[in-house]
Amino acid sequence: MKILLIIPAYNEEENILKVCKNIDEYNLNNSDKKLDYIVINDASKDNTSKILKDNNIPHIDLVANLGIGGAVQTGYKYAYDNGYDIAVQFDGDGQHDVNYVYTICEPIINKKVDICIGSRYLDKTTSSFKSTFMRRLGKNIISVIIRMCCRVKITDPTSGFRATNNEVIKIFASDYPTDYPEPESLVNLIKHGFRVTEKAVSMNERTAGKSFATPLKSAHYMIKVSIAICIDSMRKTTKREGDV
């Protein structure tokens, strides 16, 4: 199967080269499980673009900042146009571990699910990094709301480490939420019968650069995404092929 890592990056000059080198090293050691990747440079203001060009890293430079939703959708468009079987969202800040890519791809390869989420919370012994208290609180509230609206338990609904099959790639290439992409897109898929599961993964703390998620922004995000999920659960959303 052709697997593509979609790596959104905004001002990641301190991290992006190391992330890509880790993937290259993985490919050298696992020739039977080679992973393609594309970096979506979301109009970074630092030297991210120069680093990508100087090191011949596969990438797309966006001329305007589209935010995480628009950057990831660009990656899905690339995956769809190039016939990939599986697309994996993979952060450009070094938090995601390439050694767990096949862990979240396995249920899709075996055609058991349509999307698999890499969860920090499914098995508490797998990952020591759990993010800040406010983020965990927000995650728990969002999980409860998704369970109430969709009757599905998701332990890590805001995880950006996700694998999708080609049917979901096609949908996300044409319709992907911009404000709160991970939880909103999950609600959309679950409502229309797509099979979702989680796998325990290990994640790392950001080693360089600055996260834009302050406690106040995390609380604001939690409130707005909760409202968005409730609204999404009540309106018509993307149908999967074969739906009437």
C-alpha atoms as a PDB file:
ATOM      1  CA  MET A   1       0.000   0.000   0.000  1.00  0.00           C
ATOM      2  CA  LYS A   2       1.089   3.551  -0.742  1.00  0.00           C
ATOM      3  CA  ILE A   3       1.235   5.520   2.510  1.00  0.00           C
ATOM      4  CA  LEU A   4       1.731   9.282   2.674  1.00  0.00           C
ATOM      5  CA  LEU A   5       2.613  11.335   5.743  1.00  0.00           C
ATOM      6  CA  ILE A   6       1.010  14.785   5.594  1.00  0.00           C
ATOM      7  CA  ILE A   7       3.179  17.165   7.639  1.00  0.00           C
ATOM      8  CA  PRO A   8       1.711  20.646   8.201  1.00  0.00           C
ATOM      9  CA  ALA A   9       4.344  23.163   9.266  1.00  0.00           C
ATOM     10  CA  TYR A  10       4.152  26.769  10.393  1.00  0.00           C
ATOM     11  CA  ASN A  11       7.319  28.423  11.673  1.00  0.00           C
ATOM     12  CA  GLU A  12       9.015  25.090  12.393  1.00  0.00           C
ATOM     13  CA  GLU A  13      12.586  26.016  11.432  1.00  0.00           C
ATOM     14  CA  GLU A  14      13.905  24.430  14.631  1.00  0.00           C
ATOM     15  CA  ASN A  15      12.079  21.122  14.191  1.00  0.00           C
ATOM     16  CA  ILE A  16      11.212  20.303  10.588  1.00  0.00           C
ATOM     17  CA  LEU A  17      14.627  19.055   9.416  1.00  0.00           C
ATOM     18  CA  LYS A  18      14.930  16.664  12.354  1.00  0.00           C
ATOM     19  CA  VAL A  19      11.382  15.374  11.764  1.00  0.00           C
ATOM     20  CA  CYS A  20      12.141  14.627   8.107  1.00  0.00           C
ATOM     21  CA  LYS A  21      15.519  13.055   8.891  1.00  0.00           C
ATOM     22  CA  ASN A  22      13.822  10.738  11.389  1.00  0.00           C
ATOM     23  CA  ILE A  23      11.441   9.594   8.650  1.00  0.00           C
ATOM     24  CA  ASP A  24      14.328   9.108   6.203  1.00  0.00           C
ATOM     25  CA  GLU A  25      16.202   7.041   8.795  1.00  0.00           C
ATOM     26  CA  TYR A  26      13.082   4.958   9.422  1.00  0.00           C
ATOM     27  CA  ASN A  27      12.785   4.278   5.681  1.00  0.00           C
ATOM     28  CA  LEU A  28      16.424   3.180   5.496  1.00  0.00           C
ATOM     29  CA  ASN A  29      15.866   0.674   8.304  1.00  0.00           C
ATOM     30  CA  ASN A  30      12.441  -0.498   7.108  1.00  0.00           C
ATOM     31  CA  SER A  31      12.653  -0.841   3.337  1.00  0.00           C
ATOM     32  CA  ASP A  32       9.566  -3.084   3.298  1.00  0.00           C
ATOM     33  CA  LYS A  33       7.497  -0.394   5.059  1.00  0.00           C
ATOM     34  CA  LYS A  34       8.639   2.730   3.257  1.00  0.00           C
ATOM     35  CA  LEU A  35       6.720   5.929   3.956  1.00  0.00           C
ATOM     36  CA  ASP A  36       6.360   8.855   1.566  1.00  0.00           C
ATOM     37  CA  TYR A  37       5.896  12.312   3.019  1.00  0.00           C
ATOM     38  CA  ILE A  38       5.010  15.839   1.992  1.00  0.00           C
ATOM     39  CA  VAL A  39       5.526  18.949   4.120  1.00  0.00           C
ATOM     40  CA  ILE A  40       2.846  21.619   3.754  1.00  0.00           C
ATOM     41  CA  ASN A  41       4.565  24.897   4.589  1.00  0.00           C
ATOM     42  CA  ASP A  42       1.716  27.129   5.720  1.00  0.00           C
ATOM     43  CA  ALA A  43       3.296  30.442   4.652  1.00  0.00           C
ATOM     44  CA  SER A  44       5.836  30.344   7.482  1.00  0.00           C
ATOM     45  CA  LYS A  45       7.500  33.632   8.382  1.00  0.00           C
ATOM     46  CA  ASP A  46      10.746  32.044   9.549  1.00  0.00           C
ATOM     47  CA  ASN A  47      13.290  29.937   7.622  1.00  0.00           C
ATOM     48  CA  THR A  48      11.094  26.848   7.255  1.00  0.00           C
ATOM     49  CA  SER A  49      10.770  27.291   3.478  1.00  0.00           C
ATOM     50  CA  LYS A  50      14.523  27.785   2.991  1.00  0.00           C
ATOM     51  CA  ILE A  51      15.329  24.685   5.057  1.00  0.00           C
ATOM     52  CA  LEU A  52      12.915  22.608   2.991  1.00  0.00           C
ATOM     53  CA  LYS A  53      14.413  23.841  -0.303  1.00  0.00           C
ATOM     54  CA  ASP A  54      18.065  23.583   0.768  1.00  0.00           C
ATOM     55  CA  ASN A  55      17.576  19.975   1.892  1.00  0.00           C
ATOM     56  CA  ASN A  56      15.446  18.869  -1.087  1.00  0.00           C
ATOM     57  CA  ILE A  57      12.571  17.920   1.208  1.00  0.00           C
ATOM     58  CA  PRO A  58       9.289  17.210  -0.626  1.00  0.00           C
ATOM     59  CA  HIS A  59       7.035  20.130   0.171  1.00  0.00           C
ATOM     60  CA  ILE A  60       4.335  22.542  -0.936  1.00  0.00           C
ATOM     61  CA  ASP A  61       4.725  26.239  -0.123  1.00  0.00           C
ATOM     62  CA  LEU A  62       1.369  27.902   0.479  1.00  0.00           C
ATOM     63  CA  VAL A  63       1.318  31.548  -0.623  1.00  0.00           C
ATOM     64  CA  ALA A  64      -1.027  32.506   2.229  1.00  0.00           C
ATOM     65  CA  ASN A  65      -1.509  31.138   5.721  1.00  0.00           C
ATOM     66  CA  LEU A  66      -4.523  28.807   5.667  1.00  0.00           C
ATOM     67  CA  GLY A  67      -4.323  27.538   9.238  1.00  0.00           C
ATOM     68  CA  ILE A  68      -4.067  23.906  10.279  1.00  0.00           C
ATOM     69  CA  GLY A  69      -7.284  22.879   8.505  1.00  0.00           C
ATOM     70  CA  GLY A  70      -6.321  24.372   5.162  1.00  0.00           C
ATOM     71  CA  ALA A  71      -2.757  23.077   5.346  1.00  0.00           C
ATOM     72  CA  VAL A  72      -3.878  19.527   6.137  1.00  0.00           C
ATOM     73  CA  GLN A  73      -6.543  19.628   3.412  1.00  0.00           C
ATOM     74  CA  THR A  74      -3.822  20.601   0.931  1.00  0.00           C
ATOM     75  CA  GLY A  75      -2.032  17.409   1.946  1.00  0.00           C
ATOM     76  CA  TYR A  76      -5.181  15.360   1.435  1.00  0.00           C
ATOM     77  CA  LYS A  77      -5.617  16.879  -2.032  1.00  0.00           C
ATOM     78  CA  TYR A  78      -2.049  15.844  -2.819  1.00  0.00           C
ATOM     79  CA  ALA A  79      -2.700  12.320  -1.474  1.00  0.00           C
ATOM     80  CA  TYR A  80      -5.877  11.984  -3.560  1.00  0.00           C
ATOM     81  CA  ASP A  81      -4.302  13.349  -6.749  1.00  0.00           C
ATOM     82  CA  ASN A  82      -1.374  10.953  -6.408  1.00  0.00           C
ATOM     83  CA  GLY A  83      -3.376   7.814  -5.660  1.00  0.00           C
ATOM     84  CA  TYR A  84      -2.324   7.091  -2.085  1.00  0.00           C
ATOM     85  CA  ASP A  85      -4.120   4.283  -0.248  1.00  0.00           C
ATOM     86  CA  ILE A  86      -3.530   5.710   3.236  1.00  0.00           C
ATOM     87  CA  ALA A  87      -2.793   9.239   4.441  1.00  0.00           C
ATOM     88  CA  VAL A  88      -1.373   9.928   7.894  1.00  0.00           C
ATOM     89  CA  GLN A  89      -1.446  13.330   9.571  1.00  0.00           C
ATOM     90  CA  PHE A  90       1.943  13.849  11.175  1.00  0.00           C
ATOM     91  CA  ASP A  91       2.983  16.958  13.115  1.00  0.00           C
ATOM     92  CA  GLY A  92       5.994  19.000  12.058  1.00  0.00           C
ATOM     93  CA  ASP A  93       7.021  19.837  15.630  1.00  0.00           C
ATOM     94  CA  GLY A  94       8.469  16.438  16.517  1.00  0.00           C
ATOM     95  CA  GLN A  95       5.681  15.285  18.837  1.00  0.00           C
ATOM     96  CA  HIS A  96       4.694  12.292  16.712  1.00  0.00           C
ATOM     97  CA  ASP A  97       6.830   9.151  16.601  1.00  0.00           C
ATOM     98  CA  VAL A  98       7.324   7.654  13.130  1.00  0.00           C
ATOM     99  CA  ASN A  99       7.710   4.190  14.679  1.00  0.00           C
ATOM    100  CA  TYR A 100       3.976   4.212  15.470  1.00  0.00           C
ATOM    101  CA  VAL A 101       2.805   5.014  11.938  1.00  0.00           C
ATOM    102  CA  TYR A 102       2.216   1.363  11.047  1.00  0.00           C
ATOM    103  CA  THR A 103       0.501   0.860  14.407  1.00  0.00           C
ATOM    104  CA  ILE A 104      -2.297   3.211  13.355  1.00  0.00           C
ATOM    105  CA  CYS A 105      -2.218   2.045   9.730  1.00  0.00           C
ATOM    106  CA  GLU A 106      -2.634  -1.653  10.561  1.00  0.00           C
ATOM    107  CA  PRO A 107      -6.429  -1.582  11.156  1.00  0.00           C
ATOM    108  CA  ILE A 108      -6.845   0.216   7.815  1.00  0.00           C
ATOM    109  CA  ILE A 109      -4.535  -2.150   5.943  1.00  0.00           C
ATOM    110  CA  ASN A 110      -6.647  -5.026   7.289  1.00  0.00           C
ATOM    111  CA  LYS A 111      -9.828  -3.152   6.216  1.00  0.00           C
ATOM    112  CA  LYS A 112     -11.240  -3.138   9.741  1.00  0.00           C
ATOM    113  CA  VAL A 113     -11.761   0.636   9.940  1.00  0.00           C
ATOM    114  CA  ASP A 114     -11.768   3.778   7.803  1.00  0.00           C
ATOM    115  CA  ILE A 115      -9.818   6.011  10.191  1.00  0.00           C
ATOM    116  CA  CYS A 116      -7.526   5.242  13.122  1.00  0.00           C
ATOM    117  CA  ILE A 117      -6.469   7.778  15.749  1.00  0.00           C
ATOM    118  CA  GLY A 118      -3.183   7.641  17.609  1.00  0.00           C
ATOM    119  CA  SER A 119      -4.185   8.089  21.256  1.00  0.00           C
ATOM    120  CA  ARG A 120      -2.067   9.208  24.207  1.00  0.00           C
ATOM    121  CA  TYR A 121      -4.768   8.116  26.637  1.00  0.00           C
ATOM    122  CA  LEU A 122      -5.919   4.678  25.488  1.00  0.00           C
ATOM    123  CA  ASP A 123      -3.073   2.997  27.374  1.00  0.00           C
ATOM    124  CA  LYS A 124      -1.619   5.215  30.084  1.00  0.00           C
ATOM    125  CA  THR A 125       1.645   3.269  30.108  1.00  0.00           C
ATOM    126  CA  THR A 126       2.418   3.869  26.421  1.00  0.00           C
ATOM    127  CA  SER A 127       3.065   7.607  26.404  1.00  0.00           C
ATOM    128  CA  SER A 128       4.525   9.637  29.265  1.00  0.00           C
ATOM    129  CA  PHE A 129       3.682  12.931  27.528  1.00  0.00           C
ATOM    130  CA  LYS A 130       0.019  13.845  28.133  1.00  0.00           C
ATOM    131  CA  SER A 131       0.005  17.638  27.427  1.00  0.00           C
ATOM    132  CA  THR A 132      -1.073  20.375  29.847  1.00  0.00           C
ATOM    133  CA  PHE A 133      -3.860  20.133  32.438  1.00  0.00           C
ATOM    134  CA  MET A 134      -6.092  22.555  30.488  1.00  0.00           C
ATOM    135  CA  ARG A 135      -5.662  20.575  27.286  1.00  0.00           C
ATOM    136  CA  ARG A 136      -6.459  17.322  29.076  1.00  0.00           C
ATOM    137  CA  LEU A 137      -9.547  18.910  30.634  1.00  0.00           C
ATOM    138  CA  GLY A 138     -10.656  20.159  27.241  1.00  0.00           C
ATOM    139  CA  LYS A 139      -9.999  16.755  25.709  1.00  0.00           C
ATOM    140  CA  ASN A 140     -12.135  15.067  28.371  1.00  0.00           C
ATOM    141  CA  ILE A 141     -15.044  17.465  27.840  1.00  0.00           C
ATOM    142  CA  ILE A 142     -14.876  17.048  24.060  1.00  0.00           C
ATOM    143  CA  SER A 143     -14.770  13.251  24.482  1.00  0.00           C
ATOM    144  CA  VAL A 144     -17.931  13.364  26.623  1.00  0.00           C
ATOM    145  CA  ILE A 145     -19.734  15.559  24.099  1.00  0.00           C
ATOM    146  CA  ILE A 146     -18.802  13.251  21.193  1.00  0.00           C
ATOM    147  CA  ARG A 147     -19.979  10.258  23.202  1.00  0.00           C
ATOM    148  CA  MET A 148     -23.294  12.002  23.970  1.00  0.00           C
ATOM    149  CA  CYS A 149     -23.840  13.147  20.372  1.00  0.00           C
ATOM    150  CA  CYS A 150     -22.486  10.119  18.491  1.00  0.00           C
ATOM    151  CA  ARG A 151     -22.506   7.297  21.077  1.00  0.00           C
ATOM    152  CA  VAL A 152     -18.865   6.532  20.348  1.00  0.00           C
ATOM    153  CA  LYS A 153     -16.031   6.753  22.872  1.00  0.00           C
ATOM    154  CA  ILE A 154     -12.927   8.540  21.624  1.00  0.00           C
ATOM    155  CA  THR A 155     -10.176   8.990  24.218  1.00  0.00           C
ATOM    156  CA  ASP A 156      -8.067  11.465  22.214  1.00  0.00           C
ATOM    157  CA  PRO A 157     -10.413  13.415  19.877  1.00  0.00           C
ATOM    158  CA  THR A 158      -7.973  16.291  19.360  1.00  0.00           C
ATOM    159  CA  SER A 159      -5.062  14.062  18.349  1.00  0.00           C
ATOM    160  CA  GLY A 160      -3.452  15.207  15.116  1.00  0.00           C
ATOM    161  CA  PHE A 161      -1.863  11.771  14.593  1.00  0.00           C
ATOM    162  CA  ARG A 162      -4.431   9.978  12.410  1.00  0.00           C
ATOM    163  CA  ALA A 163      -4.476   7.517   9.523  1.00  0.00           C
ATOM    164  CA  THR A 164      -7.257   7.460   6.912  1.00  0.00           C
ATOM    165  CA  ASN A 165      -8.148   5.154   4.036  1.00  0.00           C
ATOM    166  CA  ASN A 166      -8.629   6.268   0.422  1.00  0.00           C
ATOM    167  CA  GLU A 167     -12.371   6.837   0.821  1.00  0.00           C
ATOM    168  CA  VAL A 168     -11.772   9.280   3.649  1.00  0.00           C
ATOM    169  CA  ILE A 169      -8.875  10.846   1.713  1.00  0.00           C
ATOM    170  CA  LYS A 170     -11.308  11.653  -1.110  1.00  0.00           C
ATOM    171  CA  ILE A 171     -13.791  13.261   1.297  1.00  0.00           C
ATOM    172  CA  PHE A 172     -11.176  15.280   3.184  1.00  0.00           C
ATOM    173  CA  ALA A 173      -9.631  16.464  -0.095  1.00  0.00           C
ATOM    174  CA  SER A 174     -12.901  18.198  -0.986  1.00  0.00           C
ATOM    175  CA  ASP A 175     -14.412  18.954   2.439  1.00  0.00           C
ATOM    176  CA  TYR A 176     -12.330  19.456   5.566  1.00  0.00           C
ATOM    177  CA  PRO A 177     -13.154  21.648   8.598  1.00  0.00           C
ATOM    178  CA  THR A 178     -10.957  24.705   9.035  1.00  0.00           C
ATOM    179  CA  ASP A 179     -11.551  25.807  12.629  1.00  0.00           C
ATOM    180  CA  TYR A 180     -11.516  22.575  14.690  1.00  0.00           C
ATOM    181  CA  PRO A 181     -10.594  19.934  12.097  1.00  0.00           C
ATOM    182  CA  GLU A 182      -9.872  16.852  14.223  1.00  0.00           C
ATOM    183  CA  PRO A 183     -13.028  16.625  16.402  1.00  0.00           C
ATOM    184  CA  GLU A 184     -15.361  18.133  13.782  1.00  0.00           C
ATOM    185  CA  SER A 185     -14.236  15.764  11.036  1.00  0.00           C
ATOM    186  CA  LEU A 186     -14.607  12.820  13.429  1.00  0.00           C
ATOM    187  CA  VAL A 187     -18.225  13.736  14.189  1.00  0.00           C
ATOM    188  CA  ASN A 188     -18.882  14.071  10.469  1.00  0.00           C
ATOM    189  CA  LEU A 189     -17.467  10.616   9.711  1.00  0.00           C
ATOM    190  CA  ILE A 190     -19.122   8.850  12.651  1.00  0.00           C
ATOM    191  CA  LYS A 191     -22.533  10.271  11.751  1.00  0.00           C
ATOM    192  CA  HIS A 192     -22.329   8.672   8.329  1.00  0.00           C
ATOM    193  CA  GLY A 193     -21.227   5.227   9.382  1.00  0.00           C
ATOM    194  CA  PHE A 194     -17.482   5.392   8.903  1.00  0.00           C
ATOM    195  CA  ARG A 195     -15.607   3.021  11.170  1.00  0.00           C
ATOM    196  CA  VAL A 196     -13.320   4.732  13.681  1.00  0.00           C
ATOM    197  CA  THR A 197     -10.893   3.219  16.144  1.00  0.00           C
ATOM    198  CA  GLU A 198      -7.909   4.232  18.253  1.00  0.00           C
ATOM    199  CA  LYS A 199      -4.496   2.740  18.875  1.00  0.00           C
ATOM    200  CA  ALA A 200      -2.212   3.559  21.791  1.00  0.00           C
ATOM    201  CA  VAL A 201       0.852   5.534  20.716  1.00  0.00           C
ATOM    202  CA  SER A 202       3.693   7.372  22.369  1.00  0.00           C
ATOM    203  CA  MET A 203       4.096  11.084  21.785  1.00  0.00           C
ATOM    204  CA  ASN A 204       6.925  13.448  22.601  1.00  0.00           C
ATOM    205  CA  GLU A 205       7.093  16.929  24.017  1.00  0.00           C
ATOM    206  CA  ARG A 206       7.956  19.681  21.581  1.00  0.00           C
ATOM    207  CA  THR A 207      11.742  20.010  21.844  1.00  0.00           C
ATOM    208  CA  ALA A 208      12.085  23.420  20.192  1.00  0.00           C
ATOM    209  CA  GLY A 209       9.969  26.333  19.107  1.00  0.00           C
ATOM    210  CA  LYS A 210       6.887  27.652  20.838  1.00  0.00           C
ATOM    211  CA  SER A 211       3.391  26.260  21.116  1.00  0.00           C
ATOM    212  CA  PHE A 212       0.620  28.800  20.553  1.00  0.00           C
ATOM    213  CA  ALA A 213      -1.747  26.981  22.927  1.00  0.00           C
ATOM    214  CA  THR A 214      -1.806  29.083  26.106  1.00  0.00           C
ATOM    215  CA  PRO A 215      -4.170  28.096  28.975  1.00  0.00           C
ATOM    216  CA  LEU A 216      -6.574  30.856  27.942  1.00  0.00           C
ATOM    217  CA  LYS A 217      -6.514  29.787  24.297  1.00  0.00           C
ATOM    218  CA  SER A 218      -7.041  26.162  25.352  1.00  0.00           C
ATOM    219  CA  ALA A 219     -10.143  27.110  27.359  1.00  0.00           C
ATOM    220  CA  HIS A 220     -11.442  29.216  24.485  1.00  0.00           C
ATOM    221  CA  TYR A 221     -10.826  26.339  22.071  1.00  0.00           C
ATOM    222  CA  MET A 222     -12.615  23.879  24.345  1.00  0.00           C
ATOM    223  CA  ILE A 223     -15.752  26.043  24.528  1.00  0.00           C
ATOM    224  CA  LYS A 224     -15.908  26.822  20.812  1.00  0.00           C
ATOM    225  CA  VAL A 225     -15.193  23.286  19.637  1.00  0.00           C
ATOM    226  CA  SER A 226     -17.831  21.884  22.011  1.00  0.00           C
ATOM    227  CA  ILE A 227     -20.434  24.223  20.497  1.00  0.00           C
ATOM    228  CA  ALA A 228     -19.257  23.343  16.978  1.00  0.00           C
ATOM    229  CA  ILE A 229     -19.558  19.599  17.647  1.00  0.00           C
ATOM    230  CA  CYS A 230     -23.102  20.002  18.967  1.00  0.00           C
ATOM    231  CA  ILE A 231     -24.074  22.004  15.896  1.00  0.00           C
ATOM    232  CA  ASP A 232     -22.373  19.558  13.516  1.00  0.00           C
ATOM    233  CA  SER A 233     -24.142  16.609  15.122  1.00  0.00           C
ATOM    234  CA  MET A 234     -27.514  18.168  14.318  1.00  0.00           C
ATOM    235  CA  ARG A 235     -26.970  19.132  10.695  1.00  0.00           C
ATOM    236  CA  LYS A 236     -26.454  17.272   7.463  1.00  0.00           C
ATOM    237  CA  THR A 237     -22.838  16.542   6.683  1.00  0.00           C
ATOM    238  CA  THR A 238     -20.741  14.705   4.129  1.00  0.00           C
ATOM    239  CA  LYS A 239     -22.218  11.373   2.989  1.00  0.00           C
ATOM    240  CA  ARG A 240     -20.116   8.352   2.271  1.00  0.00           C
ATOM    241  CA  GLU A 241     -20.351   6.621  -1.080  1.00  0.00           C
ATOM    242  CA  GLY A 242     -23.432   4.411  -1.291  1.00  0.00           C
ATOM    243  CA  ASP A 243     -25.536   6.479   1.139  1.00  0.00           C
ATOM    244  CA  VAL A 244     -28.995   7.396  -0.058  1.00  0.00           C
END
